[in-house]
N, C-alpha and C. Protein backbone atom coordinates (compact mmCIF):
# COMPACT_ATOMS: atom_id res chain seq x y z
N MET A 1 0.87 -1.18 0.02
CA MET A 1 0.01 0.02 0.02
C MET A 1 0.88 1.26 0.02
N ASP A 2 0.49 2.29 -0.79
CA ASP A 2 1.28 3.49 -0.92
C ASP A 2 1.26 4.23 0.40
N ARG A 3 2.49 4.46 0.92
CA ARG A 3 2.67 5.17 2.24
C ARG A 3 3.47 6.40 2.00
N ALA A 4 3.10 7.47 2.74
CA ALA A 4 3.83 8.72 2.64
C ALA A 4 4.35 9.08 4.07
N ILE A 5 5.53 9.70 4.06
CA ILE A 5 6.07 10.27 5.34
C ILE A 5 5.96 11.76 5.21
N ASN A 6 5.14 12.37 6.06
CA ASN A 6 4.97 13.82 6.06
C ASN A 6 5.83 14.45 7.12
N LEU A 7 6.72 15.29 6.67
CA LEU A 7 7.61 15.99 7.61
C LEU A 7 7.16 17.47 7.72
N THR A 8 7.11 17.96 8.95
CA THR A 8 6.67 19.33 9.18
C THR A 8 7.74 20.18 9.82
N PHE A 9 8.05 21.32 9.18
CA PHE A 9 8.94 22.29 9.75
C PHE A 9 8.11 23.49 10.19
N HIS A 10 8.70 24.30 11.10
CA HIS A 10 8.04 25.50 11.55
C HIS A 10 8.94 26.68 11.22
N GLY A 11 9.86 27.02 12.07
CA GLY A 11 10.78 28.09 11.77
C GLY A 11 12.17 27.57 11.43
N VAL A 12 12.89 28.39 10.61
CA VAL A 12 14.27 28.02 10.18
C VAL A 12 15.16 29.24 10.41
N GLY A 13 16.36 28.97 10.98
CA GLY A 13 17.34 30.00 11.15
C GLY A 13 17.08 30.85 12.41
N GLU A 14 17.69 32.03 12.48
CA GLU A 14 17.49 32.92 13.64
C GLU A 14 16.05 33.45 13.61
N PRO A 15 15.28 33.31 14.67
CA PRO A 15 13.97 33.85 14.73
C PRO A 15 13.96 35.40 14.61
N ARG A 16 13.00 35.92 13.84
CA ARG A 16 12.89 37.37 13.68
C ARG A 16 11.82 37.94 14.60
N ARG A 17 11.40 37.16 15.59
CA ARG A 17 10.43 37.62 16.57
C ARG A 17 10.61 36.80 17.82
N ARG A 18 9.94 37.23 18.91
CA ARG A 18 10.02 36.48 20.13
C ARG A 18 9.13 35.24 19.95
N LEU A 19 9.70 34.07 20.31
CA LEU A 19 8.95 32.82 20.07
C LEU A 19 7.98 32.59 21.18
N ASP A 20 6.84 32.04 20.87
CA ASP A 20 5.82 31.63 21.83
C ASP A 20 6.34 30.47 22.67
N PRO A 21 5.75 30.25 23.88
CA PRO A 21 6.17 29.07 24.61
C PRO A 21 6.06 27.78 23.85
N GLY A 22 7.11 26.98 23.85
CA GLY A 22 7.12 25.71 23.15
C GLY A 22 7.59 25.79 21.75
N GLU A 23 7.66 26.97 21.16
CA GLU A 23 8.11 27.09 19.73
C GLU A 23 9.53 26.67 19.49
N SER A 24 10.37 26.89 20.51
CA SER A 24 11.76 26.56 20.33
C SER A 24 11.92 25.04 20.12
N ASP A 25 10.96 24.27 20.53
CA ASP A 25 10.98 22.83 20.35
C ASP A 25 10.82 22.36 18.89
N VAL A 26 10.37 23.31 18.04
CA VAL A 26 10.16 22.97 16.64
C VAL A 26 10.91 24.00 15.71
N TRP A 27 11.84 24.68 16.23
CA TRP A 27 12.59 25.61 15.48
C TRP A 27 13.96 25.08 15.15
N VAL A 28 14.38 25.09 13.92
CA VAL A 28 15.68 24.45 13.55
C VAL A 28 16.62 25.43 12.98
N SER A 29 17.93 25.08 13.05
CA SER A 29 18.94 25.94 12.45
C SER A 29 18.92 25.78 10.92
N ARG A 30 19.48 26.73 10.24
CA ARG A 30 19.55 26.67 8.80
C ARG A 30 20.41 25.48 8.34
N GLU A 31 21.47 25.21 9.05
CA GLU A 31 22.36 24.10 8.69
C GLU A 31 21.62 22.75 8.86
N GLN A 32 20.88 22.62 9.92
CA GLN A 32 20.14 21.35 10.15
C GLN A 32 19.07 21.21 9.08
N PHE A 33 18.41 22.30 8.76
CA PHE A 33 17.35 22.27 7.74
C PHE A 33 17.91 21.79 6.39
N LEU A 34 19.03 22.37 6.00
CA LEU A 34 19.64 22.00 4.71
C LEU A 34 20.07 20.50 4.72
N ALA A 35 20.59 20.06 5.81
CA ALA A 35 21.01 18.65 5.87
C ALA A 35 19.79 17.74 5.73
N LEU A 36 18.66 18.06 6.39
CA LEU A 36 17.49 17.26 6.25
C LEU A 36 16.90 17.31 4.83
N LEU A 37 16.89 18.49 4.22
CA LEU A 37 16.45 18.54 2.82
C LEU A 37 17.30 17.67 1.91
N ASP A 38 18.64 17.72 2.16
CA ASP A 38 19.49 16.89 1.32
C ASP A 38 19.19 15.38 1.45
N SER A 39 18.79 14.99 2.71
CA SER A 39 18.49 13.59 2.98
C SER A 39 17.21 13.10 2.32
N VAL A 40 16.34 14.00 1.99
CA VAL A 40 15.00 13.59 1.40
C VAL A 40 14.97 13.78 -0.11
N GLU A 41 16.00 14.44 -0.65
CA GLU A 41 16.03 14.71 -2.07
C GLU A 41 15.97 13.34 -2.86
N GLY A 42 15.05 13.25 -3.72
CA GLY A 42 14.90 12.05 -4.53
C GLY A 42 14.04 10.95 -3.91
N ARG A 43 13.52 11.22 -2.67
CA ARG A 43 12.63 10.24 -2.03
C ARG A 43 11.15 10.69 -2.21
N SER A 44 10.51 10.08 -3.14
CA SER A 44 9.16 10.53 -3.53
C SER A 44 8.15 10.24 -2.45
N GLU A 45 8.44 9.34 -1.47
CA GLU A 45 7.47 9.10 -0.43
C GLU A 45 7.47 10.16 0.66
N VAL A 46 8.43 11.03 0.62
CA VAL A 46 8.54 12.10 1.66
C VAL A 46 7.89 13.37 1.12
N ARG A 47 6.98 13.94 1.97
CA ARG A 47 6.33 15.18 1.66
C ARG A 47 6.63 16.21 2.73
N ILE A 48 6.93 17.38 2.35
CA ILE A 48 7.40 18.43 3.18
C ILE A 48 6.33 19.49 3.37
N SER A 49 6.18 19.99 4.59
CA SER A 49 5.25 21.13 4.85
C SER A 49 5.80 22.00 5.91
N PHE A 50 5.27 23.20 5.99
CA PHE A 50 5.69 24.23 6.97
C PHE A 50 4.43 24.81 7.58
N ASP A 51 4.47 24.97 8.89
CA ASP A 51 3.35 25.54 9.63
C ASP A 51 3.64 26.97 10.06
N ASP A 52 2.54 27.72 10.25
CA ASP A 52 2.56 28.99 10.94
C ASP A 52 2.79 30.19 10.03
N GLY A 53 3.40 30.05 8.88
CA GLY A 53 3.65 31.19 8.01
C GLY A 53 4.72 32.12 8.54
N ASN A 54 5.83 31.57 9.06
CA ASN A 54 6.90 32.35 9.51
C ASN A 54 7.67 33.02 8.34
N ALA A 55 8.30 34.15 8.55
CA ALA A 55 9.04 34.81 7.51
C ALA A 55 10.17 33.97 6.93
N SER A 56 10.65 33.02 7.72
CA SER A 56 11.72 32.15 7.24
C SER A 56 11.24 31.24 6.09
N ASP A 57 9.95 31.15 5.93
CA ASP A 57 9.46 30.33 4.78
C ASP A 57 9.99 30.89 3.48
N VAL A 58 10.02 32.19 3.31
CA VAL A 58 10.56 32.77 2.11
C VAL A 58 12.04 33.06 2.20
N GLU A 59 12.52 33.47 3.41
CA GLU A 59 13.90 33.86 3.55
C GLU A 59 14.84 32.65 3.42
N HIS A 60 14.45 31.48 4.01
CA HIS A 60 15.35 30.34 4.04
C HIS A 60 14.80 29.09 3.30
N ALA A 61 13.53 28.79 3.52
CA ALA A 61 12.99 27.56 2.97
C ALA A 61 12.89 27.58 1.45
N LEU A 62 12.30 28.66 0.98
CA LEU A 62 12.03 28.68 -0.49
C LEU A 62 13.29 28.57 -1.32
N PRO A 63 14.32 29.35 -1.09
CA PRO A 63 15.56 29.18 -1.89
C PRO A 63 16.13 27.79 -1.83
N ALA A 64 16.10 27.16 -0.64
CA ALA A 64 16.66 25.77 -0.45
C ALA A 64 15.84 24.77 -1.20
N LEU A 65 14.52 24.94 -1.23
CA LEU A 65 13.68 24.03 -1.97
C LEU A 65 13.91 24.16 -3.45
N ARG A 66 14.01 25.36 -3.91
CA ARG A 66 14.22 25.62 -5.34
C ARG A 66 15.56 25.01 -5.80
N GLU A 67 16.60 25.19 -5.01
CA GLU A 67 17.88 24.67 -5.40
C GLU A 67 17.87 23.12 -5.58
N ARG A 68 16.99 22.48 -4.84
CA ARG A 68 16.94 21.01 -4.87
C ARG A 68 15.76 20.46 -5.74
N GLY A 69 15.02 21.38 -6.33
CA GLY A 69 13.92 20.96 -7.14
C GLY A 69 12.78 20.31 -6.33
N LEU A 70 12.60 20.73 -5.05
CA LEU A 70 11.60 20.17 -4.15
C LEU A 70 10.39 21.08 -4.04
N ASN A 71 9.24 20.49 -3.80
CA ASN A 71 8.01 21.26 -3.55
C ASN A 71 7.57 21.07 -2.10
N ALA A 72 6.77 21.94 -1.59
CA ALA A 72 6.29 21.84 -0.19
C ALA A 72 4.92 22.51 -0.11
N THR A 73 4.22 22.22 0.97
CA THR A 73 3.01 22.89 1.27
C THR A 73 3.25 23.83 2.51
N PHE A 74 2.76 25.05 2.37
CA PHE A 74 2.92 26.02 3.40
C PHE A 74 1.63 26.34 4.00
N PHE A 75 1.44 25.99 5.31
CA PHE A 75 0.20 26.22 6.02
C PHE A 75 0.25 27.55 6.75
N VAL A 76 -0.49 28.46 6.26
CA VAL A 76 -0.37 29.87 6.75
C VAL A 76 -1.54 30.23 7.68
N VAL A 77 -1.19 30.91 8.79
CA VAL A 77 -2.19 31.48 9.68
C VAL A 77 -2.69 32.81 9.07
N ALA A 78 -3.91 32.80 8.58
CA ALA A 78 -4.34 33.98 7.80
C ALA A 78 -4.34 35.25 8.60
N GLY A 79 -4.72 35.23 9.85
CA GLY A 79 -4.80 36.40 10.68
C GLY A 79 -3.43 37.00 11.06
N ARG A 80 -2.34 36.34 10.75
CA ARG A 80 -1.02 36.79 11.08
C ARG A 80 -0.34 37.50 9.86
N LEU A 81 -0.97 37.50 8.73
CA LEU A 81 -0.35 38.07 7.57
C LEU A 81 0.08 39.50 7.82
N GLY A 82 1.32 39.85 7.48
CA GLY A 82 1.80 41.19 7.71
C GLY A 82 2.27 41.53 9.09
N THR A 83 2.15 40.59 10.01
CA THR A 83 2.63 40.74 11.42
C THR A 83 4.14 40.52 11.42
N PRO A 84 4.91 41.37 12.15
CA PRO A 84 6.37 41.23 12.17
C PRO A 84 6.78 39.80 12.49
N GLY A 85 7.69 39.28 11.68
CA GLY A 85 8.22 37.90 11.89
C GLY A 85 7.45 36.87 11.07
N PHE A 86 6.28 37.27 10.51
CA PHE A 86 5.50 36.35 9.70
C PHE A 86 5.42 36.83 8.23
N LEU A 87 4.91 35.96 7.42
CA LEU A 87 4.75 36.31 6.02
C LEU A 87 3.69 37.42 5.84
N ASP A 88 3.92 38.23 4.84
CA ASP A 88 2.87 39.18 4.38
C ASP A 88 2.25 38.58 3.12
N ALA A 89 1.26 39.29 2.58
CA ALA A 89 0.57 38.73 1.40
C ALA A 89 1.56 38.53 0.21
N ALA A 90 2.48 39.44 0.07
CA ALA A 90 3.47 39.30 -1.03
C ALA A 90 4.29 38.08 -0.85
N GLY A 91 4.65 37.70 0.35
CA GLY A 91 5.40 36.47 0.60
C GLY A 91 4.59 35.25 0.24
N VAL A 92 3.34 35.22 0.61
CA VAL A 92 2.49 34.10 0.22
C VAL A 92 2.35 33.99 -1.30
N GLU A 93 2.20 35.11 -1.95
CA GLU A 93 2.13 35.15 -3.40
C GLU A 93 3.41 34.60 -4.04
N GLU A 94 4.58 34.95 -3.43
CA GLU A 94 5.84 34.49 -3.96
C GLU A 94 5.91 32.93 -3.85
N LEU A 95 5.52 32.41 -2.73
CA LEU A 95 5.49 30.98 -2.53
C LEU A 95 4.66 30.29 -3.62
N ALA A 96 3.46 30.83 -3.80
CA ALA A 96 2.51 30.20 -4.75
C ALA A 96 3.07 30.36 -6.19
N ALA A 97 3.67 31.48 -6.50
CA ALA A 97 4.21 31.69 -7.88
C ALA A 97 5.35 30.76 -8.11
N ALA A 98 6.05 30.30 -7.06
CA ALA A 98 7.19 29.35 -7.22
C ALA A 98 6.70 27.91 -7.31
N GLY A 99 5.37 27.71 -7.31
CA GLY A 99 4.82 26.36 -7.47
C GLY A 99 4.52 25.63 -6.18
N MET A 100 4.70 26.36 -5.05
CA MET A 100 4.40 25.75 -3.74
C MET A 100 2.89 25.76 -3.47
N THR A 101 2.45 24.89 -2.67
CA THR A 101 1.02 24.79 -2.33
C THR A 101 0.77 25.61 -1.05
N ILE A 102 -0.28 26.40 -1.06
CA ILE A 102 -0.63 27.18 0.12
C ILE A 102 -1.84 26.51 0.81
N GLY A 103 -1.68 26.22 2.05
CA GLY A 103 -2.72 25.62 2.88
C GLY A 103 -3.12 26.53 4.03
N CYS A 104 -4.22 26.13 4.66
CA CYS A 104 -4.79 26.91 5.76
C CYS A 104 -4.41 26.31 7.15
N HIS A 105 -3.93 27.20 7.99
CA HIS A 105 -3.57 26.86 9.37
C HIS A 105 -4.46 27.67 10.34
N GLY A 106 -5.63 28.05 9.86
CA GLY A 106 -6.58 28.77 10.70
C GLY A 106 -6.37 30.29 10.60
N MET A 107 -7.17 30.98 11.39
CA MET A 107 -7.18 32.44 11.43
C MET A 107 -6.28 33.00 12.53
N ARG A 108 -6.36 32.39 13.74
CA ARG A 108 -5.69 32.96 14.90
C ARG A 108 -4.82 31.92 15.66
N HIS A 109 -4.55 30.81 14.99
CA HIS A 109 -3.71 29.76 15.57
C HIS A 109 -4.26 29.28 16.90
N ARG A 110 -5.49 28.92 16.92
CA ARG A 110 -6.21 28.35 18.04
C ARG A 110 -6.44 26.87 17.86
N ALA A 111 -6.48 26.12 18.96
CA ALA A 111 -6.85 24.73 18.87
C ALA A 111 -8.29 24.61 18.41
N TRP A 112 -8.57 23.83 17.36
CA TRP A 112 -9.90 23.79 16.81
C TRP A 112 -10.86 22.97 17.57
N ARG A 113 -10.43 21.97 18.29
CA ARG A 113 -11.35 21.16 19.01
C ARG A 113 -11.88 21.96 20.23
N GLY A 114 -13.18 22.00 20.37
CA GLY A 114 -13.80 22.73 21.48
C GLY A 114 -14.23 24.16 21.12
N LEU A 115 -13.89 24.64 19.96
CA LEU A 115 -14.37 25.99 19.57
C LEU A 115 -15.88 25.94 19.26
N ASP A 116 -16.52 27.06 19.53
CA ASP A 116 -17.96 27.14 19.19
C ASP A 116 -18.11 27.29 17.67
N ASP A 117 -19.28 27.22 17.22
CA ASP A 117 -19.54 27.26 15.72
C ASP A 117 -19.06 28.51 15.04
N VAL A 118 -19.19 29.63 15.70
CA VAL A 118 -18.74 30.91 15.11
C VAL A 118 -17.23 30.92 14.99
N ALA A 119 -16.51 30.54 16.03
CA ALA A 119 -15.06 30.56 16.03
C ALA A 119 -14.54 29.51 15.05
N LEU A 120 -15.16 28.38 14.99
CA LEU A 120 -14.69 27.33 14.09
C LEU A 120 -14.89 27.76 12.60
N ARG A 121 -15.99 28.44 12.34
CA ARG A 121 -16.16 28.91 10.99
C ARG A 121 -15.09 29.97 10.61
N GLU A 122 -14.72 30.81 11.53
CA GLU A 122 -13.67 31.80 11.26
C GLU A 122 -12.37 31.04 10.95
N GLU A 123 -12.07 29.96 11.68
CA GLU A 123 -10.80 29.28 11.58
C GLU A 123 -10.70 28.52 10.23
N VAL A 124 -11.77 27.86 9.79
CA VAL A 124 -11.67 26.92 8.69
C VAL A 124 -12.32 27.42 7.38
N ILE A 125 -13.22 28.40 7.50
CA ILE A 125 -13.94 28.91 6.33
C ILE A 125 -13.44 30.36 5.99
N GLU A 126 -13.47 31.24 6.94
CA GLU A 126 -13.10 32.62 6.70
C GLU A 126 -11.57 32.74 6.42
N ALA A 127 -10.79 31.98 7.13
CA ALA A 127 -9.36 31.98 6.85
C ALA A 127 -9.03 31.43 5.54
N LYS A 128 -9.73 30.39 5.15
CA LYS A 128 -9.56 29.79 3.79
C LYS A 128 -9.86 30.83 2.74
N ALA A 129 -10.98 31.58 2.87
CA ALA A 129 -11.36 32.57 1.88
C ALA A 129 -10.36 33.68 1.81
N MET A 130 -9.79 34.10 2.96
CA MET A 130 -8.78 35.10 2.93
C MET A 130 -7.57 34.71 2.16
N LEU A 131 -7.13 33.46 2.39
CA LEU A 131 -5.90 33.01 1.68
C LEU A 131 -6.20 32.82 0.19
N GLU A 132 -7.38 32.33 -0.11
CA GLU A 132 -7.77 32.22 -1.57
C GLU A 132 -7.76 33.60 -2.28
N GLY A 133 -8.09 34.64 -1.50
CA GLY A 133 -8.07 35.97 -2.08
C GLY A 133 -6.60 36.43 -2.32
N VAL A 134 -5.67 35.90 -1.57
CA VAL A 134 -4.25 36.29 -1.81
C VAL A 134 -3.69 35.50 -3.03
N VAL A 135 -3.94 34.20 -3.08
CA VAL A 135 -3.25 33.40 -4.11
C VAL A 135 -4.11 33.26 -5.39
N ALA A 136 -5.41 33.62 -5.32
CA ALA A 136 -6.30 33.56 -6.48
C ALA A 136 -6.42 32.18 -6.98
N ARG A 137 -6.52 31.17 -6.07
CA ARG A 137 -6.75 29.81 -6.46
C ARG A 137 -7.34 29.10 -5.19
N PRO A 138 -8.02 27.96 -5.38
CA PRO A 138 -8.60 27.27 -4.22
C PRO A 138 -7.52 26.84 -3.24
N VAL A 139 -7.89 26.94 -1.98
CA VAL A 139 -7.05 26.38 -0.89
C VAL A 139 -7.74 25.15 -0.37
N THR A 140 -7.15 23.97 -0.66
CA THR A 140 -7.83 22.67 -0.36
C THR A 140 -7.11 21.80 0.68
N GLN A 141 -6.07 22.35 1.29
CA GLN A 141 -5.35 21.65 2.34
C GLN A 141 -5.42 22.40 3.60
N ALA A 142 -5.57 21.73 4.72
CA ALA A 142 -5.57 22.41 6.04
C ALA A 142 -4.69 21.61 7.01
N ALA A 143 -4.09 22.29 7.97
CA ALA A 143 -3.34 21.69 9.04
C ALA A 143 -3.91 22.17 10.39
N CYS A 144 -4.20 21.24 11.26
CA CYS A 144 -4.83 21.54 12.52
C CYS A 144 -3.78 22.15 13.49
N PRO A 145 -4.00 23.36 13.95
CA PRO A 145 -3.11 23.93 14.94
C PRO A 145 -3.02 23.10 16.22
N PHE A 146 -1.85 22.83 16.71
CA PHE A 146 -1.60 22.00 17.85
C PHE A 146 -2.07 20.49 17.66
N GLY A 147 -2.39 20.19 16.42
CA GLY A 147 -2.86 18.82 16.14
C GLY A 147 -4.26 18.56 16.75
N SER A 148 -5.03 19.61 16.97
CA SER A 148 -6.31 19.52 17.71
C SER A 148 -7.42 19.33 16.76
N TYR A 149 -8.09 18.15 16.87
CA TYR A 149 -9.25 17.87 16.02
C TYR A 149 -10.12 16.80 16.68
N ASP A 150 -11.35 16.68 16.22
CA ASP A 150 -12.27 15.64 16.62
C ASP A 150 -13.18 15.38 15.47
N ARG A 151 -14.18 14.53 15.67
CA ARG A 151 -15.14 14.19 14.57
C ARG A 151 -15.85 15.41 14.06
N ARG A 152 -16.27 16.29 14.96
CA ARG A 152 -16.93 17.53 14.58
C ARG A 152 -16.10 18.42 13.68
N VAL A 153 -14.86 18.60 14.07
CA VAL A 153 -13.90 19.44 13.28
C VAL A 153 -13.72 18.81 11.91
N LEU A 154 -13.50 17.50 11.87
CA LEU A 154 -13.28 16.85 10.59
C LEU A 154 -14.48 16.99 9.68
N ARG A 155 -15.67 16.87 10.25
CA ARG A 155 -16.91 17.02 9.42
C ARG A 155 -16.99 18.41 8.86
N ARG A 156 -16.65 19.41 9.64
CA ARG A 156 -16.66 20.80 9.19
C ARG A 156 -15.64 20.99 8.03
N LEU A 157 -14.48 20.42 8.23
CA LEU A 157 -13.42 20.57 7.21
C LEU A 157 -13.86 19.89 5.90
N ARG A 158 -14.43 18.71 5.96
CA ARG A 158 -14.90 18.05 4.79
C ARG A 158 -15.94 18.83 4.04
N GLY A 159 -16.80 19.48 4.82
CA GLY A 159 -17.87 20.24 4.18
C GLY A 159 -17.48 21.64 3.72
N SER A 160 -16.22 21.98 3.96
CA SER A 160 -15.76 23.34 3.62
C SER A 160 -14.79 23.30 2.41
N GLY A 161 -14.68 22.19 1.73
CA GLY A 161 -13.91 22.14 0.50
C GLY A 161 -12.45 21.71 0.68
N TYR A 162 -12.11 21.17 1.79
CA TYR A 162 -10.72 20.69 1.97
C TYR A 162 -10.58 19.26 1.49
N HIS A 163 -9.53 18.97 0.79
CA HIS A 163 -9.29 17.61 0.27
C HIS A 163 -8.46 16.79 1.19
N HIS A 164 -7.55 17.41 1.92
CA HIS A 164 -6.65 16.74 2.87
C HIS A 164 -6.50 17.62 4.14
N VAL A 165 -6.46 16.90 5.27
CA VAL A 165 -6.23 17.59 6.54
C VAL A 165 -5.05 16.93 7.29
N TYR A 166 -4.14 17.78 7.70
CA TYR A 166 -2.86 17.30 8.24
C TYR A 166 -2.84 17.51 9.78
N THR A 167 -2.35 16.50 10.48
CA THR A 167 -2.37 16.51 11.94
C THR A 167 -0.92 16.50 12.49
N SER A 168 -0.79 16.28 13.75
CA SER A 168 0.53 16.12 14.38
C SER A 168 0.67 14.73 15.02
N ASP A 169 0.05 13.75 14.40
CA ASP A 169 -0.08 12.39 15.00
C ASP A 169 1.17 11.51 14.81
N ARG A 170 2.06 11.92 13.95
CA ARG A 170 3.30 11.16 13.71
C ARG A 170 3.03 9.85 12.98
N GLY A 171 4.10 9.30 12.42
CA GLY A 171 3.95 8.03 11.67
C GLY A 171 3.82 8.30 10.13
N THR A 172 3.31 7.25 9.49
CA THR A 172 3.12 7.37 8.05
C THR A 172 1.63 7.42 7.71
N SER A 173 1.30 7.80 6.51
CA SER A 173 -0.08 7.86 6.05
C SER A 173 -0.19 7.25 4.64
N ARG A 174 -1.41 6.74 4.30
CA ARG A 174 -1.68 6.45 2.94
C ARG A 174 -1.78 7.76 2.20
N SER A 175 -1.11 7.89 1.10
CA SER A 175 -0.98 9.21 0.43
C SER A 175 -2.25 9.85 0.03
N ARG A 176 -3.32 9.08 -0.23
CA ARG A 176 -4.59 9.64 -0.69
C ARG A 176 -5.62 9.85 0.42
N ASP A 177 -5.26 9.54 1.65
CA ASP A 177 -6.26 9.61 2.74
C ASP A 177 -6.58 11.10 2.99
N PHE A 178 -7.81 11.32 3.42
CA PHE A 178 -8.25 12.67 3.86
C PHE A 178 -7.40 13.13 5.03
N LEU A 179 -7.26 12.34 6.04
CA LEU A 179 -6.50 12.68 7.28
C LEU A 179 -5.05 12.19 7.13
N GLN A 180 -4.12 13.09 7.30
CA GLN A 180 -2.76 12.84 7.08
C GLN A 180 -1.91 13.07 8.38
N ALA A 181 -1.29 12.03 8.87
CA ALA A 181 -0.41 12.16 10.03
C ALA A 181 0.91 12.85 9.60
N ARG A 182 1.47 13.65 10.48
CA ARG A 182 2.69 14.33 10.16
C ARG A 182 3.73 14.17 11.31
N ASN A 183 4.99 14.44 11.02
CA ASN A 183 6.03 14.28 11.98
C ASN A 183 6.76 15.64 12.10
N SER A 184 6.59 16.33 13.21
CA SER A 184 7.21 17.60 13.41
C SER A 184 8.69 17.45 13.64
N ILE A 185 9.47 18.29 12.99
CA ILE A 185 10.94 18.27 13.13
C ILE A 185 11.40 19.29 14.09
N GLY A 186 12.20 18.79 15.02
CA GLY A 186 12.77 19.69 16.10
C GLY A 186 14.25 19.79 16.00
N PRO A 187 14.80 20.60 16.88
CA PRO A 187 16.29 20.92 16.81
C PRO A 187 17.18 19.70 17.02
N HIS A 188 16.67 18.60 17.53
CA HIS A 188 17.50 17.42 17.75
C HIS A 188 17.37 16.35 16.67
N ASP A 189 16.56 16.63 15.64
CA ASP A 189 16.37 15.61 14.62
C ASP A 189 17.46 15.73 13.58
N ASP A 190 17.95 14.59 13.08
CA ASP A 190 18.95 14.54 12.04
C ASP A 190 18.39 13.75 10.89
N PRO A 191 19.19 13.58 9.78
CA PRO A 191 18.63 12.86 8.61
C PRO A 191 18.20 11.44 8.91
N GLY A 192 18.61 10.84 10.01
CA GLY A 192 18.14 9.51 10.38
C GLY A 192 16.67 9.46 10.83
N VAL A 193 16.04 10.61 10.90
CA VAL A 193 14.66 10.64 11.39
C VAL A 193 13.73 9.82 10.49
N LEU A 194 13.99 9.79 9.19
CA LEU A 194 13.13 8.99 8.31
C LEU A 194 13.18 7.52 8.61
N GLU A 195 14.35 7.04 8.85
CA GLU A 195 14.46 5.58 9.20
C GLU A 195 13.81 5.29 10.56
N ARG A 196 13.88 6.22 11.50
CA ARG A 196 13.27 5.98 12.79
C ARG A 196 11.73 5.96 12.68
N ILE A 197 11.18 6.80 11.83
CA ILE A 197 9.73 6.80 11.63
C ILE A 197 9.31 5.48 11.04
N MET A 198 10.03 5.00 10.04
CA MET A 198 9.66 3.73 9.44
C MET A 198 9.87 2.59 10.40
N LEU A 199 10.80 2.64 11.28
CA LEU A 199 11.06 1.58 12.24
C LEU A 199 9.90 1.49 13.21
N ARG A 200 9.38 2.63 13.66
CA ARG A 200 8.24 2.63 14.57
C ARG A 200 7.02 2.06 13.86
N GLU A 201 6.85 2.36 12.61
CA GLU A 201 5.69 1.81 11.88
C GLU A 201 5.81 0.33 11.64
N SER A 202 6.95 -0.19 11.51
CA SER A 202 7.10 -1.61 11.23
C SER A 202 7.03 -2.49 12.45
N ALA A 203 7.06 -1.92 13.63
CA ALA A 203 7.05 -2.67 14.87
C ALA A 203 5.58 -2.79 15.35
N PRO A 204 4.90 -3.97 15.22
CA PRO A 204 3.47 -4.09 15.54
C PRO A 204 3.15 -3.67 16.98
N TYR A 205 4.05 -3.99 17.91
CA TYR A 205 3.78 -3.68 19.33
C TYR A 205 3.77 -2.15 19.57
N ARG A 206 4.28 -1.35 18.65
CA ARG A 206 4.24 0.06 18.73
C ARG A 206 3.12 0.65 17.82
N ALA A 207 2.97 0.06 16.64
CA ALA A 207 2.05 0.65 15.68
C ALA A 207 0.56 0.41 16.08
N LEU A 208 0.26 -0.72 16.66
CA LEU A 208 -1.14 -1.03 16.94
C LEU A 208 -1.74 -0.07 18.04
N PRO A 209 -1.02 0.15 19.13
CA PRO A 209 -1.59 1.11 20.14
C PRO A 209 -1.76 2.53 19.54
N ARG A 210 -0.83 2.88 18.64
CA ARG A 210 -0.96 4.25 18.00
C ARG A 210 -2.18 4.27 17.15
N ARG A 211 -2.44 3.27 16.39
CA ARG A 211 -3.64 3.26 15.47
C ARG A 211 -4.91 3.27 16.28
N ALA A 212 -4.91 2.59 17.42
CA ALA A 212 -6.06 2.57 18.31
C ALA A 212 -6.31 4.02 18.87
N LYS A 213 -5.25 4.67 19.23
CA LYS A 213 -5.37 6.07 19.78
C LYS A 213 -5.90 7.00 18.72
N LEU A 214 -5.46 6.84 17.45
CA LEU A 214 -5.94 7.70 16.38
C LEU A 214 -7.43 7.45 16.11
N ALA A 215 -7.85 6.26 16.18
CA ALA A 215 -9.27 5.93 15.98
C ALA A 215 -10.16 6.62 17.00
N VAL A 216 -9.69 6.67 18.23
CA VAL A 216 -10.43 7.33 19.29
C VAL A 216 -10.50 8.87 19.01
N LYS A 217 -9.38 9.47 18.54
CA LYS A 217 -9.37 10.87 18.25
C LYS A 217 -10.36 11.23 17.13
N ARG A 218 -10.49 10.38 16.16
CA ARG A 218 -11.27 10.64 14.98
C ARG A 218 -12.80 10.50 15.29
N TRP A 219 -13.10 9.71 16.29
CA TRP A 219 -14.55 9.42 16.59
C TRP A 219 -15.06 10.01 17.87
N ARG A 220 -14.20 10.71 18.61
CA ARG A 220 -14.66 11.31 19.88
C ARG A 220 -15.60 12.46 19.65
């Protein structure tokens, strides 16, 4: 069965803003980022994404991807456009013009599970419309902030025109599935991270409990 390894980056290089609590756990140096990109070059099962819409997406990520002929999906927080340290509309347009996919990471970077109907609409519908206005094309991919979702959230996403939804559940995914597990990259990850992901998936005593946990998250 066709399996994909989804890797998620957040910020690259020296931060241009004060990081929120916990963000340093997913912020990588430029050197580490380049080494990881070199390790996935030519591996068609690996898919790359970026969360949050940090300014480093254009400053560091885009040139490195272009040099290697790689594509990626950039999940942008619509309400942060133009905020210091984050992408502005021109940066998002530059990514799209370079052939990158623009996805939605919500409006205000809030956990989607537990939001009321008005707030959830803002996160998954109004944010989507705002980004579509920037790139002048449909936005059909979404990434759940903090990996927060449940059955209600998934139902709203399906009904809002999204083709794939990305989580923080780790492991591999079937490439065509609606729900896509991702693996966040942190400052201690090296190019061997791909083999470690596959090793976890191939060990039944590890994979089965994980799959049971995911089933609970999807149906709660």
